[in-house]
Amino acid sequence: IGEAEIDQLNGLKLNSHILQESIAKQINENPGAGWKAAINPRFSNVTVSFQLP
C-alpha cells in the first residue's frame, strides 16, 4: 500500500459515522455485553472526526 492509499483509508475512517447498526446489532446479540446499544437520531450524522465547537 502506498502513501496515497493510506491517506485515503485514514480519510474514510475519519468520515465514518460513529453510530452503526452493525455495531449495535453485534452488542445486542451478545448476552454477556452487560448493556444494550441503541441508535440515537441526535447523533446520526456525527462522524469520527467531529469536533465540538
C-alpha atoms as a PDB file:
ATOM      1  CA  ILE A   1       0.000   0.000   0.000  1.00  0.00           C
ATOM      2  CA  GLY A   2       1.324   3.381  -0.967  1.00  0.00           C
ATOM      3  CA  GLU A   3       1.115   6.640   0.947  1.00  0.00           C
ATOM      4  CA  ALA A   4      -1.825   7.871  -1.144  1.00  0.00           C
ATOM      5  CA  GLU A   5      -3.809   4.736  -0.330  1.00  0.00           C
ATOM      6  CA  ILE A   6      -3.042   5.110   3.385  1.00  0.00           C
ATOM      7  CA  ASP A   7      -4.204   8.738   3.316  1.00  0.00           C
ATOM      8  CA  GLN A   8      -7.395   7.661   1.563  1.00  0.00           C
ATOM      9  CA  LEU A   9      -8.073   4.933   4.150  1.00  0.00           C
ATOM     10  CA  ASN A  10      -7.448   7.341   7.021  1.00  0.00           C
ATOM     11  CA  GLY A  11      -9.852   9.828   5.436  1.00  0.00           C
ATOM     12  CA  LEU A  12     -12.509   7.142   5.121  1.00  0.00           C
ATOM     13  CA  LYS A  13     -12.100   6.212   8.782  1.00  0.00           C
ATOM     14  CA  LEU A  14     -12.397   9.829   9.919  1.00  0.00           C
ATOM     15  CA  ASN A  15     -15.546  10.261   7.837  1.00  0.00           C
ATOM     16  CA  SER A  16     -17.168   7.104   9.238  1.00  0.00           C
ATOM     17  CA  HIS A  17     -20.359   7.590  11.203  1.00  0.00           C
ATOM     18  CA  ILE A  18     -19.954   6.828  14.900  1.00  0.00           C
ATOM     19  CA  LEU A  19     -23.354   5.132  15.019  1.00  0.00           C
ATOM     20  CA  GLN A  20     -23.569   1.963  13.001  1.00  0.00           C
ATOM     21  CA  GLU A  21     -26.425  -0.526  13.001  1.00  0.00           C
ATOM     22  CA  SER A  22     -23.978  -3.416  12.644  1.00  0.00           C
ATOM     23  CA  ILE A  23     -22.167  -2.471  15.859  1.00  0.00           C
ATOM     24  CA  ALA A  24     -25.419  -2.035  17.794  1.00  0.00           C
ATOM     25  CA  LYS A  25     -26.616  -5.413  16.494  1.00  0.00           C
ATOM     26  CA  GLN A  26     -23.381  -7.125  17.493  1.00  0.00           C
ATOM     27  CA  ILE A  27     -23.594  -5.707  21.038  1.00  0.00           C
ATOM     28  CA  ASN A  28     -27.285  -6.503  21.428  1.00  0.00           C
ATOM     29  CA  GLU A  29     -26.806 -10.098  20.260  1.00  0.00           C
ATOM     30  CA  ASN A  30     -24.102 -10.663  22.885  1.00  0.00           C
ATOM     31  CA  PRO A  31     -25.782 -11.893  26.096  1.00  0.00           C
ATOM     32  CA  GLY A  32     -22.642 -11.089  28.092  1.00  0.00           C
ATOM     33  CA  ALA A  33     -22.378  -7.481  26.948  1.00  0.00           C
ATOM     34  CA  GLY A  34     -23.996  -6.131  30.105  1.00  0.00           C
ATOM     35  CA  TRP A  35     -25.777  -3.310  28.289  1.00  0.00           C
ATOM     36  CA  LYS A  36     -27.957  -2.653  25.266  1.00  0.00           C
ATOM     37  CA  ALA A  37     -26.906  -0.453  22.373  1.00  0.00           C
ATOM     38  CA  ALA A  38     -29.342   1.965  20.749  1.00  0.00           C
ATOM     39  CA  ILE A  39     -29.192   4.367  17.834  1.00  0.00           C
ATOM     40  CA  ASN A  40     -29.971   7.928  18.891  1.00  0.00           C
ATOM     41  CA  PRO A  41     -31.117  10.053  15.901  1.00  0.00           C
ATOM     42  CA  ARG A  42     -29.482  13.109  17.503  1.00  0.00           C
ATOM     43  CA  PHE A  43     -26.076  11.656  16.647  1.00  0.00           C
ATOM     44  CA  SER A  44     -26.958  10.065  13.300  1.00  0.00           C
ATOM     45  CA  ASN A  45     -24.739  12.384  11.230  1.00  0.00           C
ATOM     46  CA  VAL A  46     -21.781  12.577  13.618  1.00  0.00           C
ATOM     47  CA  THR A  47     -18.517  11.249  12.206  1.00  0.00           C
ATOM     48  CA  VAL A  48     -15.320  10.077  13.880  1.00  0.00           C
ATOM     49  CA  SER A  49     -13.651  13.404  13.041  1.00  0.00           C
ATOM     50  CA  PHE A  50     -16.445  15.520  14.591  1.00  0.00           C
ATOM     51  CA  GLN A  51     -15.206  18.208  16.985  1.00  0.00           C
ATOM     52  CA  LEU A  52     -17.275  20.123  19.478  1.00  0.00           C
ATOM     53  CA  PRO A  53     -17.352  23.879  18.850  1.00  0.00           C
END
